[in-house]
Amino acid sequence: ASAGLLVIGDNYFPGWRAAVDRRPAPLLRADYTLRAVPIEAGAHSVDLVYDPLSFRLGVGLSAAGLVLAAFSLVTDRPRWV
């Protein structure tokens, strides 16, 4: 047996990360649209995680917006005369 590629039958898209035996591994394009992970001969554990930067940015910006909204509610109270 020799090294090869594990081809995953769904579309390649930025934001995917791969690990082989819990070590980061390159994620390649196969046949233009599929994902592939190079692996050595033998039995291995392959993990694929979808963690796009856009999602993390969205969570951070949403949290910042909530903090600003809460701050404005605390500081901009109507002054009853």
N, C-alpha and C. Protein backbone atom coordinates (compact mmCIF):
# COMPACT_ATOMS: atom_id res chain seq x y z
N ALA A 1 0.84 -1.19 0.00
CA ALA A 1 0.00 0.00 0.00
C ALA A 1 0.88 1.24 0.00
N SER A 2 0.33 2.32 -0.52
CA SER A 2 1.08 3.57 -0.59
C SER A 2 0.18 4.73 -0.22
N ALA A 3 0.78 5.90 -0.15
CA ALA A 3 0.02 7.11 0.18
C ALA A 3 -0.99 7.40 -0.93
N GLY A 4 -2.04 8.13 -0.58
CA GLY A 4 -3.05 8.45 -1.57
C GLY A 4 -3.88 9.64 -1.13
N LEU A 5 -5.00 9.83 -1.81
CA LEU A 5 -5.93 10.90 -1.49
C LEU A 5 -7.27 10.32 -1.07
N LEU A 6 -7.80 10.84 0.01
CA LEU A 6 -9.16 10.53 0.40
C LEU A 6 -10.03 11.60 -0.24
N VAL A 7 -10.88 11.22 -1.18
CA VAL A 7 -11.74 12.17 -1.88
C VAL A 7 -13.12 12.14 -1.23
N ILE A 8 -13.58 13.31 -0.82
CA ILE A 8 -14.89 13.44 -0.17
C ILE A 8 -15.87 13.94 -1.23
N GLY A 9 -17.00 13.28 -1.34
CA GLY A 9 -17.93 13.53 -2.44
C GLY A 9 -18.85 14.71 -2.25
N ASP A 10 -18.40 15.78 -1.63
CA ASP A 10 -19.20 17.00 -1.63
C ASP A 10 -18.31 18.17 -2.01
N ASN A 11 -18.90 19.32 -2.23
CA ASN A 11 -18.19 20.44 -2.83
C ASN A 11 -17.15 21.07 -1.91
N TYR A 12 -16.04 21.45 -2.54
CA TYR A 12 -15.00 22.22 -1.87
C TYR A 12 -15.53 23.62 -1.65
N PHE A 13 -15.28 24.17 -0.48
CA PHE A 13 -15.69 25.55 -0.18
C PHE A 13 -14.74 26.08 0.88
N PRO A 14 -14.33 27.35 0.77
CA PRO A 14 -13.44 27.91 1.79
C PRO A 14 -14.07 27.82 3.19
N GLY A 15 -13.25 27.62 4.18
CA GLY A 15 -13.73 27.52 5.55
C GLY A 15 -13.60 26.12 6.12
N TRP A 16 -13.34 25.13 5.27
CA TRP A 16 -13.15 23.76 5.74
C TRP A 16 -11.72 23.56 6.23
N ARG A 17 -11.56 22.80 7.31
CA ARG A 17 -10.25 22.40 7.81
C ARG A 17 -10.24 20.88 7.93
N ALA A 18 -9.07 20.30 7.73
CA ALA A 18 -8.93 18.85 7.83
C ALA A 18 -7.85 18.49 8.83
N ALA A 19 -8.01 17.34 9.47
CA ALA A 19 -6.99 16.80 10.36
C ALA A 19 -6.94 15.29 10.15
N VAL A 20 -5.73 14.77 10.10
CA VAL A 20 -5.52 13.33 10.00
C VAL A 20 -4.83 12.90 11.29
N ASP A 21 -5.47 12.00 12.01
CA ASP A 21 -4.96 11.56 13.31
C ASP A 21 -4.71 12.75 14.24
N ARG A 22 -5.65 13.69 14.23
CA ARG A 22 -5.65 14.90 15.07
C ARG A 22 -4.52 15.88 14.76
N ARG A 23 -3.86 15.72 13.63
CA ARG A 23 -2.85 16.68 13.19
C ARG A 23 -3.38 17.40 11.96
N PRO A 24 -3.21 18.74 11.89
CA PRO A 24 -3.72 19.47 10.72
C PRO A 24 -3.16 18.90 9.42
N ALA A 25 -4.03 18.83 8.43
CA ALA A 25 -3.65 18.29 7.12
C ALA A 25 -4.17 19.24 6.04
N PRO A 26 -3.49 19.29 4.91
CA PRO A 26 -3.97 20.16 3.83
C PRO A 26 -5.28 19.62 3.24
N LEU A 27 -6.14 20.54 2.88
CA LEU A 27 -7.38 20.18 2.22
C LEU A 27 -7.26 20.64 0.77
N LEU A 28 -7.36 19.71 -0.15
CA LEU A 28 -7.13 19.98 -1.56
C LEU A 28 -8.41 19.90 -2.36
N ARG A 29 -8.38 20.49 -3.56
CA ARG A 29 -9.48 20.31 -4.51
C ARG A 29 -9.21 19.06 -5.34
N ALA A 30 -10.26 18.29 -5.55
CA ALA A 30 -10.15 17.11 -6.41
C ALA A 30 -11.21 17.22 -7.49
N ASP A 31 -10.85 16.95 -8.72
CA ASP A 31 -11.78 17.03 -9.85
C ASP A 31 -12.49 18.38 -9.88
N TYR A 32 -11.79 19.42 -9.58
CA TYR A 32 -12.21 20.82 -9.62
C TYR A 32 -13.21 21.21 -8.54
N THR A 33 -14.10 20.34 -8.11
CA THR A 33 -15.16 20.76 -7.20
C THR A 33 -15.23 19.98 -5.89
N LEU A 34 -14.53 18.86 -5.78
CA LEU A 34 -14.61 18.03 -4.58
C LEU A 34 -13.47 18.33 -3.62
N ARG A 35 -13.59 17.83 -2.40
CA ARG A 35 -12.53 17.98 -1.40
C ARG A 35 -11.72 16.70 -1.32
N ALA A 36 -10.42 16.85 -1.01
CA ALA A 36 -9.55 15.69 -0.86
C ALA A 36 -8.52 15.96 0.23
N VAL A 37 -8.15 14.89 0.93
CA VAL A 37 -7.15 14.97 1.99
C VAL A 37 -6.07 13.94 1.69
N PRO A 38 -4.80 14.37 1.61
CA PRO A 38 -3.73 13.38 1.41
C PRO A 38 -3.51 12.56 2.68
N ILE A 39 -3.39 11.25 2.52
CA ILE A 39 -3.15 10.38 3.67
C ILE A 39 -2.09 9.35 3.32
N GLU A 40 -1.39 8.90 4.33
CA GLU A 40 -0.39 7.85 4.18
C GLU A 40 -1.09 6.49 4.20
N ALA A 41 -0.37 5.46 3.84
CA ALA A 41 -0.93 4.11 3.87
C ALA A 41 -1.27 3.72 5.30
N GLY A 42 -2.30 2.91 5.46
CA GLY A 42 -2.68 2.42 6.78
C GLY A 42 -4.01 3.01 7.24
N ALA A 43 -4.39 2.65 8.45
CA ALA A 43 -5.66 3.12 9.02
C ALA A 43 -5.44 4.47 9.68
N HIS A 44 -6.36 5.39 9.42
CA HIS A 44 -6.26 6.75 9.97
C HIS A 44 -7.63 7.26 10.36
N SER A 45 -7.63 8.25 11.22
CA SER A 45 -8.84 8.98 11.58
C SER A 45 -8.78 10.33 10.88
N VAL A 46 -9.80 10.67 10.11
CA VAL A 46 -9.84 11.93 9.38
C VAL A 46 -11.00 12.76 9.91
N ASP A 47 -10.70 13.99 10.33
CA ASP A 47 -11.73 14.91 10.82
C ASP A 47 -11.83 16.08 9.86
N LEU A 48 -13.06 16.45 9.52
CA LEU A 48 -13.32 17.62 8.68
C LEU A 48 -14.22 18.56 9.47
N VAL A 49 -13.81 19.82 9.56
CA VAL A 49 -14.55 20.82 10.34
C VAL A 49 -14.82 22.02 9.46
N TYR A 50 -16.07 22.48 9.46
CA TYR A 50 -16.42 23.69 8.72
C TYR A 50 -16.43 24.85 9.71
N ASP A 51 -15.47 25.75 9.57
CA ASP A 51 -15.30 26.87 10.50
C ASP A 51 -14.93 28.12 9.69
N PRO A 52 -15.89 28.70 8.97
CA PRO A 52 -15.56 29.84 8.10
C PRO A 52 -15.30 31.11 8.90
N LEU A 53 -14.40 31.93 8.39
CA LEU A 53 -14.08 33.21 9.01
C LEU A 53 -15.32 34.10 9.06
N SER A 54 -16.16 34.05 8.04
CA SER A 54 -17.35 34.90 8.00
C SER A 54 -18.28 34.64 9.19
N PHE A 55 -18.39 33.39 9.61
CA PHE A 55 -19.25 33.07 10.76
C PHE A 55 -18.67 33.67 12.04
N ARG A 56 -17.36 33.50 12.23
CA ARG A 56 -16.72 34.04 13.44
C ARG A 56 -16.81 35.56 13.47
N LEU A 57 -16.63 36.21 12.31
CA LEU A 57 -16.78 37.67 12.25
C LEU A 57 -18.21 38.08 12.57
N GLY A 58 -19.18 37.35 12.05
CA GLY A 58 -20.58 37.65 12.32
C GLY A 58 -20.93 37.53 13.79
N VAL A 59 -20.42 36.50 14.44
CA VAL A 59 -20.67 36.34 15.88
C VAL A 59 -20.04 37.49 16.66
N GLY A 60 -18.81 37.85 16.30
CA GLY A 60 -18.13 38.95 17.00
C GLY A 60 -18.83 40.28 16.82
N LEU A 61 -19.25 40.57 15.59
CA LEU A 61 -19.95 41.84 15.33
C LEU A 61 -21.32 41.86 16.01
N SER A 62 -22.01 40.74 16.03
CA SER A 62 -23.31 40.68 16.71
C SER A 62 -23.15 40.90 18.21
N ALA A 63 -22.13 40.29 18.80
CA ALA A 63 -21.87 40.48 20.23
C ALA A 63 -21.53 41.93 20.53
N ALA A 64 -20.72 42.55 19.67
CA ALA A 64 -20.37 43.96 19.87
C ALA A 64 -21.62 44.83 19.76
N GLY A 65 -22.51 44.53 18.83
CA GLY A 65 -23.75 45.28 18.69
C GLY A 65 -24.64 45.16 19.91
N LEU A 66 -24.72 43.96 20.48
CA LEU A 66 -25.51 43.77 21.69
C LEU A 66 -24.94 44.54 22.87
N VAL A 67 -23.62 44.55 22.98
CA VAL A 67 -22.98 45.30 24.07
C VAL A 67 -23.26 46.79 23.90
N LEU A 68 -23.13 47.30 22.68
CA LEU A 68 -23.41 48.72 22.44
C LEU A 68 -24.87 49.06 22.70
N ALA A 69 -25.79 48.18 22.31
CA ALA A 69 -27.21 48.42 22.55
C ALA A 69 -27.49 48.45 24.05
N ALA A 70 -26.92 47.51 24.80
CA ALA A 70 -27.12 47.49 26.25
C ALA A 70 -26.52 48.74 26.89
N PHE A 71 -25.36 49.16 26.43
CA PHE A 71 -24.72 50.36 26.96
C PHE A 71 -25.58 51.59 26.70
N SER A 72 -26.16 51.67 25.50
CA SER A 72 -26.99 52.84 25.18
C SER A 72 -28.27 52.86 26.01
N LEU A 73 -28.80 51.69 26.34
CA LEU A 73 -29.99 51.64 27.20
C LEU A 73 -29.67 52.12 28.61
N VAL A 74 -28.48 51.84 29.08
CA VAL A 74 -28.09 52.22 30.43
C VAL A 74 -27.74 53.71 30.50
N THR A 75 -27.09 54.24 29.48
CA THR A 75 -26.61 55.63 29.55
C THR A 75 -27.58 56.65 28.98
N ASP A 76 -28.50 56.28 28.12
CA ASP A 76 -29.40 57.24 27.48
C ASP A 76 -30.81 57.16 28.06
N ARG A 77 -30.91 57.16 29.35
CA ARG A 77 -32.23 57.12 29.97
C ARG A 77 -32.90 58.48 29.83
N PRO A 78 -34.18 58.49 29.60
CA PRO A 78 -34.87 59.78 29.51
C PRO A 78 -34.83 60.50 30.86
N ARG A 79 -34.65 61.78 30.81
CA ARG A 79 -34.59 62.57 32.04
C ARG A 79 -35.96 63.20 32.27
N TRP A 80 -36.63 62.76 33.30
CA TRP A 80 -37.95 63.30 33.63
C TRP A 80 -37.77 64.51 34.53
N VAL A 81 -38.27 65.62 34.10
CA VAL A 81 -38.09 66.86 34.87
C VAL A 81 -39.33 67.18 35.64
